[in-house]
Amino acid sequence: MEESRDVTIYDIAERMNLATSTISRALKDHPTISDKTIKKVKKVAEEMGFRPNILAAGLRGNSTKIIGVLVSRINRPFISSLISGIEEIAQKAGYSVMITQSHDSYEDEVNLSKALYDSRVCGIICSLAMDTRDTSHFQKFIDKNIPLVFVDRVPKDFDTYRVMIDNYSAGYKATKHLIEQGCRRIAHITGSPYRNTYSERKRGYVDALLEANLTVDEELIIETTLTYEEGETAATTLFDLPNPPDGVFVVNDTAAVGVIQIAKKRSLRIPEDIAIIGFNDDPIASIIDPGLTTISHPAVKMGQTSAKKILNHLKSAKKSADTPKKDRITEVTFLNTEVLVRASSSRKE
């Protein structure tokens, strides 16, 4: 049986008795081709089953209309919402999205950044892996003037676009809320200290305690990779202390739910014995019983903003193609957060 082959612009040109250059331009809506001819060419192309080779076109132009996305774990609600925001903006602008996940591995992040670079993506949006300390593997994008946006988990020392929340303020607000509910011994379950996302939330936590003249007790601060299981493990460690906490600030909702479950197994009353606040406002925060107080984290908007940064950069670069390379980019965009109070912390009306 003869293998079917793809229809090419040469086949369309032969059918319509036109030059291949005319077919190519018509398919790209080139202004030198009349609207009437463009419509005829596209109609014949569709009838013949023509599929444009986007990858080959990208290779010829040394770029594609594909935005690379490199995130930690797609199965986390915050990340899936972030990607949704990116894809929404990209699709409206005629761009596609290539999604990769590092599984919070530095080694995977390095390899995937190279794979995206070799795929000639037109831009890249990245939320760093938990254990990433060195970000030099992203320098190749800057050197080639490929727009790079770090979102949420961003590096401190890399000059490019950054989209994030004010993590210090969010950490301060979360801790202050627990203090206002009467908590005096507040634990903190956090992520890698190498991620300024978490170090800034911790700094807000510490300052809120000091402002209230409360002790910062290092045995109440536990670093984890923020899985549900590690939330359970951290809670077990805290509740086994001779002087356990009466409040817990967890930097994501997944681990916070683990804390709630262990508290319930210990027959601790929530929030009377232990008040708990999470972070992100994942769907599970309003499903778990009791409902989890949390910090809003505008994931969709962060994704939309990141995609707009890429598109605006590409548009600007196209206009100034003949001008010298721009100075380094140090633009940081902050989005707002708020405390969403639910039953897990609400001791006072």
C-alpha atoms as a PDB file:
ATOM      1  CA  MET A   1       0.000   0.000   0.000  1.00  0.00           C
ATOM      2  CA  GLU A   2       1.420   3.374  -1.051  1.00  0.00           C
ATOM      3  CA  GLU A   3       2.119   5.677   1.888  1.00  0.00           C
ATOM      4  CA  SER A   4       0.214   8.959   1.626  1.00  0.00           C
ATOM      5  CA  ARG A   5       2.400  12.064   1.568  1.00  0.00           C
ATOM      6  CA  ASP A   6       1.730  15.558   2.813  1.00  0.00           C
ATOM      7  CA  VAL A   7       0.449  18.162   0.374  1.00  0.00           C
ATOM      8  CA  THR A   8       3.024  20.896  -0.305  1.00  0.00           C
ATOM      9  CA  ILE A   9       2.813  24.429  -1.663  1.00  0.00           C
ATOM     10  CA  TYR A  10       4.226  23.007  -4.911  1.00  0.00           C
ATOM     11  CA  ASP A  11       1.125  20.814  -5.256  1.00  0.00           C
ATOM     12  CA  ILE A  12      -1.148  23.812  -4.666  1.00  0.00           C
ATOM     13  CA  ALA A  13       0.853  25.916  -7.144  1.00  0.00           C
ATOM     14  CA  GLU A  14       0.538  23.195  -9.790  1.00  0.00           C
ATOM     15  CA  ARG A  15      -3.222  22.866  -9.207  1.00  0.00           C
ATOM     16  CA  MET A  16      -3.790  26.648  -9.427  1.00  0.00           C
ATOM     17  CA  ASN A  17      -1.130  27.357 -12.048  1.00  0.00           C
ATOM     18  CA  LEU A  18       0.486  29.976  -9.823  1.00  0.00           C
ATOM     19  CA  ALA A  19       4.049  30.536  -8.648  1.00  0.00           C
ATOM     20  CA  THR A  20       5.050  28.845  -5.402  1.00  0.00           C
ATOM     21  CA  SER A  21       6.091  32.241  -4.040  1.00  0.00           C
ATOM     22  CA  THR A  22       2.549  33.514  -4.613  1.00  0.00           C
ATOM     23  CA  ILE A  23       1.085  30.499  -2.795  1.00  0.00           C
ATOM     24  CA  SER A  24       3.484  30.950   0.108  1.00  0.00           C
ATOM     25  CA  ARG A  25       2.684  34.642   0.481  1.00  0.00           C
ATOM     26  CA  ALA A  26      -1.061  34.098   0.142  1.00  0.00           C
ATOM     27  CA  LEU A  27      -1.027  31.537   2.946  1.00  0.00           C
ATOM     28  CA  LYS A  28       0.735  34.116   5.138  1.00  0.00           C
ATOM     29  CA  ASP A  29      -1.744  36.925   4.269  1.00  0.00           C
ATOM     30  CA  HIS A  30       1.075  38.932   2.712  1.00  0.00           C
ATOM     31  CA  PRO A  31      -0.011  42.506   1.819  1.00  0.00           C
ATOM     32  CA  THR A  32       1.355  42.179  -1.730  1.00  0.00           C
ATOM     33  CA  ILE A  33      -1.257  39.514  -2.507  1.00  0.00           C
ATOM     34  CA  SER A  34      -4.863  40.531  -3.161  1.00  0.00           C
ATOM     35  CA  ASP A  35      -7.619  39.451  -0.787  1.00  0.00           C
ATOM     36  CA  LYS A  36      -9.321  37.627  -3.661  1.00  0.00           C
ATOM     37  CA  THR A  37      -6.227  35.525  -4.396  1.00  0.00           C
ATOM     38  CA  ILE A  38      -5.632  34.827  -0.690  1.00  0.00           C
ATOM     39  CA  LYS A  39      -9.165  33.479  -0.306  1.00  0.00           C
ATOM     40  CA  LYS A  40      -8.841  31.269  -3.417  1.00  0.00           C
ATOM     41  CA  VAL A  41      -5.454  29.881  -2.333  1.00  0.00           C
ATOM     42  CA  LYS A  42      -6.669  29.125   1.193  1.00  0.00           C
ATOM     43  CA  LYS A  43      -9.797  27.433  -0.133  1.00  0.00           C
ATOM     44  CA  VAL A  44      -7.790  25.152  -2.451  1.00  0.00           C
ATOM     45  CA  ALA A  45      -5.257  24.462   0.299  1.00  0.00           C
ATOM     46  CA  GLU A  46      -8.041  23.356   2.620  1.00  0.00           C
ATOM     47  CA  GLU A  47      -9.648  21.179  -0.047  1.00  0.00           C
ATOM     48  CA  MET A  48      -6.312  19.468  -0.708  1.00  0.00           C
ATOM     49  CA  GLY A  49      -5.655  18.893   2.986  1.00  0.00           C
ATOM     50  CA  PHE A  50      -2.593  21.138   3.162  1.00  0.00           C
ATOM     51  CA  ARG A  51      -0.937  21.453   6.592  1.00  0.00           C
ATOM     52  CA  PRO A  52       1.666  24.191   7.093  1.00  0.00           C
ATOM     53  CA  ASN A  53       4.922  22.901   8.576  1.00  0.00           C
ATOM     54  CA  ILE A  54       5.199  25.309  11.489  1.00  0.00           C
ATOM     55  CA  LEU A  55       8.386  23.723  12.827  1.00  0.00           C
ATOM     56  CA  ALA A  56      10.167  23.933   9.484  1.00  0.00           C
ATOM     57  CA  ALA A  57       9.079  27.542   9.087  1.00  0.00           C
ATOM     58  CA  GLY A  58      10.433  28.242  12.543  1.00  0.00           C
ATOM     59  CA  LEU A  59      13.761  26.650  11.691  1.00  0.00           C
ATOM     60  CA  ARG A  60      14.068  28.789   8.569  1.00  0.00           C
ATOM     61  CA  GLY A  61      13.282  31.918  10.538  1.00  0.00           C
ATOM     62  CA  ASN A  62      15.404  30.787  13.513  1.00  0.00           C
ATOM     63  CA  SER A  63      12.303  31.068  15.749  1.00  0.00           C
ATOM     64  CA  THR A  64       8.781  29.705  16.116  1.00  0.00           C
ATOM     65  CA  LYS A  65       5.476  31.069  17.354  1.00  0.00           C
ATOM     66  CA  ILE A  66       5.779  28.759  20.324  1.00  0.00           C
ATOM     67  CA  ILE A  67       6.211  29.983  23.896  1.00  0.00           C
ATOM     68  CA  GLY A  68       8.089  27.554  26.123  1.00  0.00           C
ATOM     69  CA  VAL A  69       6.793  27.004  29.655  1.00  0.00           C
ATOM     70  CA  LEU A  70       8.974  25.359  32.306  1.00  0.00           C
ATOM     71  CA  VAL A  71       7.314  24.732  35.662  1.00  0.00           C
ATOM     72  CA  SER A  72       7.805  22.461  38.676  1.00  0.00           C
ATOM     73  CA  ARG A  73       4.747  20.187  38.736  1.00  0.00           C
ATOM     74  CA  ILE A  74       1.755  20.479  36.419  1.00  0.00           C
ATOM     75  CA  ASN A  75      -0.527  18.562  38.800  1.00  0.00           C
ATOM     76  CA  ARG A  76      -0.521  21.373  41.379  1.00  0.00           C
ATOM     77  CA  PRO A  77      -3.597  23.607  41.138  1.00  0.00           C
ATOM     78  CA  PHE A  78      -1.576  26.829  41.249  1.00  0.00           C
ATOM     79  CA  ILE A  79       0.607  25.688  38.331  1.00  0.00           C
ATOM     80  CA  SER A  80      -2.311  24.442  36.220  1.00  0.00           C
ATOM     81  CA  SER A  81      -4.071  27.793  36.724  1.00  0.00           C
ATOM     82  CA  LEU A  82      -0.855  29.629  35.854  1.00  0.00           C
ATOM     83  CA  ILE A  83      -0.559  27.654  32.611  1.00  0.00           C
ATOM     84  CA  SER A  84      -4.214  28.341  31.812  1.00  0.00           C
ATOM     85  CA  GLY A  85      -3.552  32.076  32.018  1.00  0.00           C
ATOM     86  CA  ILE A  86      -0.485  31.781  29.782  1.00  0.00           C
ATOM     87  CA  GLU A  87      -2.292  29.673  27.184  1.00  0.00           C
ATOM     88  CA  GLU A  88      -5.301  31.997  27.071  1.00  0.00           C
ATOM     89  CA  ILE A  89      -3.220  35.034  26.117  1.00  0.00           C
ATOM     90  CA  ALA A  90      -0.908  33.104  23.780  1.00  0.00           C
ATOM     91  CA  GLN A  91      -3.783  31.514  21.858  1.00  0.00           C
ATOM     92  CA  LYS A  92      -5.534  34.851  21.307  1.00  0.00           C
ATOM     93  CA  ALA A  93      -2.314  36.183  19.796  1.00  0.00           C
ATOM     94  CA  GLY A  94      -1.870  33.182  17.494  1.00  0.00           C
ATOM     95  CA  TYR A  95       0.870  31.505  19.517  1.00  0.00           C
ATOM     96  CA  SER A  96       1.135  27.963  20.841  1.00  0.00           C
ATOM     97  CA  VAL A  97       2.515  26.819  24.195  1.00  0.00           C
ATOM     98  CA  MET A  98       5.030  24.030  24.829  1.00  0.00           C
ATOM     99  CA  ILE A  99       4.789  22.850  28.448  1.00  0.00           C
ATOM    100  CA  THR A 100       7.542  21.046  30.355  1.00  0.00           C
ATOM    101  CA  GLN A 101       7.876  20.182  34.052  1.00  0.00           C
ATOM    102  CA  SER A 102      11.051  19.831  36.117  1.00  0.00           C
ATOM    103  CA  HIS A 103       9.493  17.809  38.963  1.00  0.00           C
ATOM    104  CA  ASP A 104      11.385  20.233  41.205  1.00  0.00           C
ATOM    105  CA  SER A 105      14.696  18.822  39.947  1.00  0.00           C
ATOM    106  CA  TYR A 106      17.552  21.200  39.095  1.00  0.00           C
ATOM    107  CA  GLU A 107      19.056  18.653  36.692  1.00  0.00           C
ATOM    108  CA  ASP A 108      15.755  18.239  34.834  1.00  0.00           C
ATOM    109  CA  GLU A 109      15.347  22.011  34.695  1.00  0.00           C
ATOM    110  CA  VAL A 110      18.774  22.414  33.063  1.00  0.00           C
ATOM    111  CA  ASN A 111      18.029  19.710  30.471  1.00  0.00           C
ATOM    112  CA  LEU A 112      14.547  21.014  29.710  1.00  0.00           C
ATOM    113  CA  SER A 113      15.738  24.599  29.303  1.00  0.00           C
ATOM    114  CA  LYS A 114      18.188  23.318  26.670  1.00  0.00           C
ATOM    115  CA  ALA A 115      15.426  21.311  24.970  1.00  0.00           C
ATOM    116  CA  LEU A 116      13.233  24.427  24.752  1.00  0.00           C
ATOM    117  CA  TYR A 117      16.165  26.481  23.472  1.00  0.00           C
ATOM    118  CA  ASP A 118      16.968  23.853  20.825  1.00  0.00           C
ATOM    119  CA  SER A 119      13.280  23.836  19.836  1.00  0.00           C
ATOM    120  CA  ARG A 120      13.697  27.534  18.993  1.00  0.00           C
ATOM    121  CA  VAL A 121      10.880  28.765  21.194  1.00  0.00           C
ATOM    122  CA  CYS A 122      10.218  32.474  20.726  1.00  0.00           C
ATOM    123  CA  GLY A 123      10.154  33.045  24.476  1.00  0.00           C
ATOM    124  CA  ILE A 124      10.205  31.169  27.761  1.00  0.00           C
ATOM    125  CA  ILE A 125       8.225  31.454  31.003  1.00  0.00           C
ATOM    126  CA  CYS A 126       9.723  29.664  33.988  1.00  0.00           C
ATOM    127  CA  SER A 127       8.878  28.981  37.619  1.00  0.00           C
ATOM    128  CA  LEU A 128      12.074  27.612  39.140  1.00  0.00           C
ATOM    129  CA  ALA A 129      12.540  24.144  40.634  1.00  0.00           C
ATOM    130  CA  MET A 130      12.659  23.935  44.407  1.00  0.00           C
ATOM    131  CA  ASP A 131      16.385  23.100  44.579  1.00  0.00           C
ATOM    132  CA  THR A 132      17.656  25.425  41.840  1.00  0.00           C
ATOM    133  CA  ARG A 133      20.458  27.658  43.121  1.00  0.00           C
ATOM    134  CA  ASP A 134      22.386  28.404  39.919  1.00  0.00           C
ATOM    135  CA  THR A 135      20.392  29.938  37.050  1.00  0.00           C
ATOM    136  CA  SER A 136      23.234  30.299  34.543  1.00  0.00           C
ATOM    137  CA  HIS A 137      21.536  27.775  32.226  1.00  0.00           C
ATOM    138  CA  PHE A 138      19.051  30.518  31.300  1.00  0.00           C
ATOM    139  CA  GLN A 139      21.737  32.952  30.133  1.00  0.00           C
ATOM    140  CA  LYS A 140      21.631  31.535  26.596  1.00  0.00           C
ATOM    141  CA  PHE A 141      18.131  32.971  26.156  1.00  0.00           C
ATOM    142  CA  ILE A 142      19.300  36.451  27.158  1.00  0.00           C
ATOM    143  CA  ASP A 143      22.333  36.195  24.862  1.00  0.00           C
ATOM    144  CA  LYS A 144      20.025  35.481  21.924  1.00  0.00           C
ATOM    145  CA  ASN A 145      17.516  38.171  22.957  1.00  0.00           C
ATOM    146  CA  ILE A 146      14.850  35.522  23.530  1.00  0.00           C
ATOM    147  CA  PRO A 147      12.439  36.993  26.101  1.00  0.00           C
ATOM    148  CA  LEU A 148      12.573  35.231  29.452  1.00  0.00           C
ATOM    149  CA  VAL A 149      10.008  35.673  32.221  1.00  0.00           C
ATOM    150  CA  PHE A 150      10.433  34.187  35.668  1.00  0.00           C
ATOM    151  CA  VAL A 151       7.110  33.828  37.462  1.00  0.00           C
ATOM    152  CA  ASP A 152       6.304  33.131  41.137  1.00  0.00           C
ATOM    153  CA  ARG A 153       9.534  31.282  42.003  1.00  0.00           C
ATOM    154  CA  VAL A 154      12.001  33.827  40.714  1.00  0.00           C
ATOM    155  CA  PRO A 155      15.773  34.224  41.179  1.00  0.00           C
ATOM    156  CA  LYS A 156      17.191  37.145  43.128  1.00  0.00           C
ATOM    157  CA  ASP A 157      20.178  37.777  40.897  1.00  0.00           C
ATOM    158  CA  PHE A 158      19.039  37.361  37.289  1.00  0.00           C
ATOM    159  CA  ASP A 159      18.124  40.472  35.300  1.00  0.00           C
ATOM    160  CA  THR A 160      15.041  39.772  33.217  1.00  0.00           C
ATOM    161  CA  TYR A 161      11.248  40.050  33.485  1.00  0.00           C
ATOM    162  CA  ARG A 162       9.856  38.828  36.818  1.00  0.00           C
ATOM    163  CA  VAL A 163       6.188  38.417  37.711  1.00  0.00           C
ATOM    164  CA  MET A 164       5.446  37.724  41.345  1.00  0.00           C
ATOM    165  CA  ILE A 165       3.503  38.653  44.439  1.00  0.00           C
ATOM    166  CA  ASP A 166       4.890  40.598  47.384  1.00  0.00           C
ATOM    167  CA  ASN A 167       5.851  37.483  49.329  1.00  0.00           C
ATOM    168  CA  TYR A 168       7.115  39.439  52.319  1.00  0.00           C
ATOM    169  CA  SER A 169       3.785  41.235  52.698  1.00  0.00           C
ATOM    170  CA  ALA A 170       1.854  37.980  52.205  1.00  0.00           C
ATOM    171  CA  GLY A 171       3.876  36.197  54.884  1.00  0.00           C
ATOM    172  CA  TYR A 172       3.426  39.118  57.243  1.00  0.00           C
ATOM    173  CA  LYS A 173      -0.351  39.238  56.668  1.00  0.00           C
ATOM    174  CA  ALA A 174      -0.746  35.485  57.199  1.00  0.00           C
ATOM    175  CA  THR A 175       1.141  35.567  60.494  1.00  0.00           C
ATOM    176  CA  LYS A 176      -0.541  38.733  61.698  1.00  0.00           C
ATOM    177  CA  HIS A 177      -3.922  37.114  61.074  1.00  0.00           C
ATOM    178  CA  LEU A 178      -3.012  34.222  63.383  1.00  0.00           C
ATOM    179  CA  ILE A 179      -1.775  36.679  66.015  1.00  0.00           C
ATOM    180  CA  GLU A 180      -5.056  38.576  65.783  1.00  0.00           C
ATOM    181  CA  GLN A 181      -6.882  35.286  66.432  1.00  0.00           C
ATOM    182  CA  GLY A 182      -4.995  34.945  69.723  1.00  0.00           C
ATOM    183  CA  CYS A 183      -2.168  32.617  68.639  1.00  0.00           C
ATOM    184  CA  ARG A 184       1.060  33.144  70.560  1.00  0.00           C
ATOM    185  CA  ARG A 185       3.220  30.196  69.543  1.00  0.00           C
ATOM    186  CA  ILE A 186       3.111  30.105  65.751  1.00  0.00           C
ATOM    187  CA  ALA A 187       4.909  27.488  63.660  1.00  0.00           C
ATOM    188  CA  HIS A 188       6.007  27.972  60.071  1.00  0.00           C
ATOM    189  CA  ILE A 189       6.174  25.186  57.458  1.00  0.00           C
ATOM    190  CA  THR A 190       8.156  26.507  54.516  1.00  0.00           C
ATOM    191  CA  GLY A 191       9.988  25.505  51.326  1.00  0.00           C
ATOM    192  CA  SER A 192      13.600  25.685  50.204  1.00  0.00           C
ATOM    193  CA  PRO A 193      15.496  28.663  51.690  1.00  0.00           C
ATOM    194  CA  TYR A 194      17.175  29.067  48.296  1.00  0.00           C
ATOM    195  CA  ARG A 195      13.880  30.204  46.782  1.00  0.00           C
ATOM    196  CA  ASN A 196      13.354  33.858  47.674  1.00  0.00           C
ATOM    197  CA  THR A 197       9.616  33.133  47.336  1.00  0.00           C
ATOM    198  CA  TYR A 198       9.811  31.246  50.614  1.00  0.00           C
ATOM    199  CA  SER A 199      12.598  33.226  52.269  1.00  0.00           C
ATOM    200  CA  GLU A 200      10.528  36.398  51.818  1.00  0.00           C
ATOM    201  CA  ARG A 201       7.406  34.781  53.283  1.00  0.00           C
ATOM    202  CA  LYS A 202       9.524  33.629  56.214  1.00  0.00           C
ATOM    203  CA  ARG A 203      10.895  37.155  56.655  1.00  0.00           C
ATOM    204  CA  GLY A 204       7.321  38.455  56.824  1.00  0.00           C
ATOM    205  CA  TYR A 205       6.496  35.742  59.374  1.00  0.00           C
ATOM    206  CA  VAL A 206       9.473  36.685  61.553  1.00  0.00           C
ATOM    207  CA  ASP A 207       8.769  40.425  61.426  1.00  0.00           C
ATOM    208  CA  ALA A 208       5.102  39.925  62.350  1.00  0.00           C
ATOM    209  CA  LEU A 209       6.164  37.908  65.411  1.00  0.00           C
ATOM    210  CA  LEU A 210       8.757  40.457  66.482  1.00  0.00           C
ATOM    211  CA  GLU A 211       6.311  43.323  66.030  1.00  0.00           C
ATOM    212  CA  ALA A 212       3.932  41.522  68.425  1.00  0.00           C
ATOM    213  CA  ASN A 213       6.789  40.846  70.880  1.00  0.00           C
ATOM    214  CA  LEU A 214       6.517  37.101  70.267  1.00  0.00           C
ATOM    215  CA  THR A 215       9.471  34.707  70.270  1.00  0.00           C
ATOM    216  CA  VAL A 216      10.920  33.407  67.005  1.00  0.00           C
ATOM    217  CA  ASP A 217      11.554  29.758  67.897  1.00  0.00           C
ATOM    218  CA  GLU A 218      13.665  27.895  65.326  1.00  0.00           C
ATOM    219  CA  GLU A 219      12.218  24.521  66.373  1.00  0.00           C
ATOM    220  CA  LEU A 220       8.858  25.771  65.091  1.00  0.00           C
ATOM    221  CA  ILE A 221      10.256  26.437  61.589  1.00  0.00           C
ATOM    222  CA  ILE A 222      10.334  23.356  59.343  1.00  0.00           C
ATOM    223  CA  GLU A 223      11.630  23.213  55.752  1.00  0.00           C
ATOM    224  CA  THR A 224       9.951  20.723  53.384  1.00  0.00           C
ATOM    225  CA  THR A 225       9.231  20.183  49.683  1.00  0.00           C
ATOM    226  CA  LEU A 226       5.609  21.037  50.529  1.00  0.00           C
ATOM    227  CA  THR A 227       3.879  17.809  49.542  1.00  0.00           C
ATOM    228  CA  TYR A 228       0.800  16.558  51.387  1.00  0.00           C
ATOM    229  CA  GLU A 229       2.860  13.789  52.988  1.00  0.00           C
ATOM    230  CA  GLU A 230       5.528  16.223  54.183  1.00  0.00           C
ATOM    231  CA  GLY A 231       2.792  18.420  55.619  1.00  0.00           C
ATOM    232  CA  GLU A 232       1.688  15.419  57.675  1.00  0.00           C
ATOM    233  CA  THR A 233       5.274  14.679  58.741  1.00  0.00           C
ATOM    234  CA  ALA A 234       5.928  18.302  59.736  1.00  0.00           C
ATOM    235  CA  ALA A 235       2.679  18.431  61.710  1.00  0.00           C
ATOM    236  CA  THR A 236       3.593  15.235  63.559  1.00  0.00           C
ATOM    237  CA  THR A 237       6.962  16.737  64.514  1.00  0.00           C
ATOM    238  CA  LEU A 238       5.353  19.966  65.727  1.00  0.00           C
ATOM    239  CA  PHE A 239       2.544  18.333  67.693  1.00  0.00           C
ATOM    240  CA  ASP A 240       5.032  15.997  69.413  1.00  0.00           C
ATOM    241  CA  LEU A 241       6.975  18.932  70.866  1.00  0.00           C
ATOM    242  CA  PRO A 242       6.803  19.358  74.670  1.00  0.00           C
ATOM    243  CA  ASN A 243       5.414  22.826  73.989  1.00  0.00           C
ATOM    244  CA  PRO A 244       3.502  22.496  70.689  1.00  0.00           C
ATOM    245  CA  PRO A 245       2.306  25.440  68.611  1.00  0.00           C
ATOM    246  CA  ASP A 246      -1.181  26.940  68.792  1.00  0.00           C
ATOM    247  CA  GLY A 247      -1.004  28.254  65.220  1.00  0.00           C
ATOM    248  CA  VAL A 248       0.635  27.123  61.955  1.00  0.00           C
ATOM    249  CA  PHE A 249       1.408  29.163  58.838  1.00  0.00           C
ATOM    250  CA  VAL A 250       2.065  26.841  55.872  1.00  0.00           C
ATOM    251  CA  VAL A 251       3.339  28.267  52.580  1.00  0.00           C
ATOM    252  CA  ASN A 252       1.049  26.153  50.406  1.00  0.00           C
ATOM    253  CA  ASP A 253      -2.397  24.623  50.749  1.00  0.00           C
ATOM    254  CA  THR A 254      -1.335  21.069  49.872  1.00  0.00           C
ATOM    255  CA  ALA A 255       0.908  20.746  52.923  1.00  0.00           C
ATOM    256  CA  ALA A 256      -1.582  22.716  55.059  1.00  0.00           C
ATOM    257  CA  VAL A 257      -4.250  20.085  54.373  1.00  0.00           C
ATOM    258  CA  GLY A 258      -1.771  17.483  55.624  1.00  0.00           C
ATOM    259  CA  VAL A 259      -1.473  19.497  58.851  1.00  0.00           C
ATOM    260  CA  ILE A 260      -5.276  19.596  59.229  1.00  0.00           C
ATOM    261  CA  GLN A 261      -5.549  15.841  58.794  1.00  0.00           C
ATOM    262  CA  ILE A 262      -2.932  15.105  61.468  1.00  0.00           C
ATOM    263  CA  ALA A 263      -4.579  17.585  63.841  1.00  0.00           C
ATOM    264  CA  LYS A 264      -7.903  15.783  63.381  1.00  0.00           C
ATOM    265  CA  LYS A 265      -6.259  12.389  63.984  1.00  0.00           C
ATOM    266  CA  ARG A 266      -4.847  13.811  67.219  1.00  0.00           C
ATOM    267  CA  SER A 267      -8.343  15.016  68.192  1.00  0.00           C
ATOM    268  CA  LEU A 268      -7.092  18.598  68.286  1.00  0.00           C
ATOM    269  CA  ARG A 269      -9.863  21.153  67.902  1.00  0.00           C
ATOM    270  CA  ILE A 270      -9.461  23.418  64.882  1.00  0.00           C
ATOM    271  CA  PRO A 271      -9.145  26.374  65.356  1.00  0.00           C
ATOM    272  CA  GLU A 272      -9.504  26.371  69.173  1.00  0.00           C
ATOM    273  CA  ASP A 273      -6.416  24.227  69.865  1.00  0.00           C
ATOM    274  CA  ILE A 274      -4.564  24.851  66.626  1.00  0.00           C
ATOM    275  CA  ALA A 275      -5.303  27.558  64.045  1.00  0.00           C
ATOM    276  CA  ILE A 276      -4.030  26.896  60.519  1.00  0.00           C
ATOM    277  CA  ILE A 277      -3.479  29.123  57.482  1.00  0.00           C
ATOM    278  CA  GLY A 278      -2.258  27.976  54.066  1.00  0.00           C
ATOM    279  CA  PHE A 279      -1.283  29.718  50.839  1.00  0.00           C
ATOM    280  CA  ASN A 280      -2.555  29.761  47.205  1.00  0.00           C
ATOM    281  CA  ASP A 281      -6.331  29.318  47.641  1.00  0.00           C
ATOM    282  CA  ASP A 282      -6.310  25.980  45.823  1.00  0.00           C
ATOM    283  CA  PRO A 283      -9.756  24.373  45.302  1.00  0.00           C
ATOM    284  CA  ILE A 284      -9.114  21.959  48.170  1.00  0.00           C
ATOM    285  CA  ALA A 285      -8.942  24.907  50.608  1.00  0.00           C
ATOM    286  CA  SER A 286     -12.717  25.355  50.379  1.00  0.00           C
ATOM    287  CA  ILE A 287     -13.482  21.619  50.219  1.00  0.00           C
ATOM    288  CA  ILE A 288     -11.551  20.383  53.262  1.00  0.00           C
ATOM    289  CA  ASP A 289     -13.382  20.329  56.605  1.00  0.00           C
ATOM    290  CA  PRO A 290     -12.875  22.711  58.272  1.00  0.00           C
ATOM    291  CA  GLY A 291     -12.386  25.149  55.413  1.00  0.00           C
ATOM    292  CA  LEU A 292      -8.780  26.299  55.138  1.00  0.00           C
ATOM    293  CA  THR A 293      -7.928  29.953  55.681  1.00  0.00           C
ATOM    294  CA  THR A 294      -5.415  30.868  53.008  1.00  0.00           C
ATOM    295  CA  ILE A 295      -3.660  33.646  51.113  1.00  0.00           C
ATOM    296  CA  SER A 296      -4.969  34.375  47.631  1.00  0.00           C
ATOM    297  CA  HIS A 297      -2.405  33.776  44.901  1.00  0.00           C
ATOM    298  CA  PRO A 298      -3.568  35.169  41.539  1.00  0.00           C
ATOM    299  CA  ALA A 299      -2.215  32.304  39.426  1.00  0.00           C
ATOM    300  CA  VAL A 300      -4.274  32.944  36.268  1.00  0.00           C
ATOM    301  CA  LYS A 301      -3.436  36.642  36.291  1.00  0.00           C
ATOM    302  CA  MET A 302       0.244  35.860  36.836  1.00  0.00           C
ATOM    303  CA  GLY A 303       0.153  33.570  33.800  1.00  0.00           C
ATOM    304  CA  GLN A 304      -1.641  36.180  31.699  1.00  0.00           C
ATOM    305  CA  THR A 305       0.819  38.889  32.740  1.00  0.00           C
ATOM    306  CA  SER A 306       3.803  36.651  31.956  1.00  0.00           C
ATOM    307  CA  ALA A 307       2.504  35.843  28.469  1.00  0.00           C
ATOM    308  CA  LYS A 308       1.867  39.538  27.787  1.00  0.00           C
ATOM    309  CA  LYS A 309       5.480  40.300  28.748  1.00  0.00           C
ATOM    310  CA  ILE A 310       6.681  37.812  26.128  1.00  0.00           C
ATOM    311  CA  LEU A 311       4.388  39.147  23.403  1.00  0.00           C
ATOM    312  CA  ASN A 312       5.172  42.796  24.136  1.00  0.00           C
ATOM    313  CA  HIS A 313       8.886  42.068  24.037  1.00  0.00           C
ATOM    314  CA  LEU A 314       8.558  40.286  20.673  1.00  0.00           C
ATOM    315  CA  LYS A 315       6.502  43.142  19.279  1.00  0.00           C
ATOM    316  CA  SER A 316       9.022  45.703  20.482  1.00  0.00           C
ATOM    317  CA  ALA A 317      11.962  43.669  19.173  1.00  0.00           C
ATOM    318  CA  LYS A 318      10.328  43.418  15.750  1.00  0.00           C
ATOM    319  CA  LYS A 319       9.935  47.190  15.557  1.00  0.00           C
ATOM    320  CA  SER A 320      13.538  47.812  16.589  1.00  0.00           C
ATOM    321  CA  ALA A 321      15.201  44.972  14.681  1.00  0.00           C
ATOM    322  CA  ASP A 322      17.809  47.294  13.216  1.00  0.00           C
ATOM    323  CA  THR A 323      18.658  49.051  16.472  1.00  0.00           C
ATOM    324  CA  PRO A 324      21.377  48.012  18.936  1.00  0.00           C
ATOM    325  CA  LYS A 325      20.501  45.488  21.633  1.00  0.00           C
ATOM    326  CA  LYS A 326      18.626  46.936  24.605  1.00  0.00           C
ATOM    327  CA  ASP A 327      20.083  47.354  28.054  1.00  0.00           C
ATOM    328  CA  ARG A 328      19.491  44.547  30.484  1.00  0.00           C
ATOM    329  CA  ILE A 329      15.919  44.091  31.687  1.00  0.00           C
ATOM    330  CA  THR A 330      15.204  44.399  35.392  1.00  0.00           C
ATOM    331  CA  GLU A 331      11.436  44.788  35.265  1.00  0.00           C
ATOM    332  CA  VAL A 332       9.525  43.333  38.231  1.00  0.00           C
ATOM    333  CA  THR A 333       5.704  43.151  38.322  1.00  0.00           C
ATOM    334  CA  PHE A 334       3.998  42.651  41.690  1.00  0.00           C
ATOM    335  CA  LEU A 335       0.410  41.406  42.001  1.00  0.00           C
ATOM    336  CA  ASN A 336      -1.767  41.755  45.109  1.00  0.00           C
ATOM    337  CA  THR A 337      -2.790  39.104  47.648  1.00  0.00           C
ATOM    338  CA  GLU A 338      -5.298  38.967  50.500  1.00  0.00           C
ATOM    339  CA  VAL A 339      -6.198  36.805  53.483  1.00  0.00           C
ATOM    340  CA  LEU A 340      -9.245  34.602  52.787  1.00  0.00           C
ATOM    341  CA  VAL A 341     -10.592  33.714  56.218  1.00  0.00           C
ATOM    342  CA  ARG A 342     -12.259  30.329  56.727  1.00  0.00           C
ATOM    343  CA  ALA A 343     -12.998  28.051  59.671  1.00  0.00           C
ATOM    344  CA  SER A 344      -9.471  26.684  60.166  1.00  0.00           C
ATOM    345  CA  SER A 345      -8.318  29.916  61.827  1.00  0.00           C
ATOM    346  CA  SER A 346     -11.393  31.949  62.681  1.00  0.00           C
ATOM    347  CA  ARG A 347     -11.470  32.132  66.487  1.00  0.00           C
ATOM    348  CA  LYS A 348     -12.901  35.634  66.684  1.00  0.00           C
ATOM    349  CA  GLU A 349     -15.895  37.192  64.949  1.00  0.00           C
END
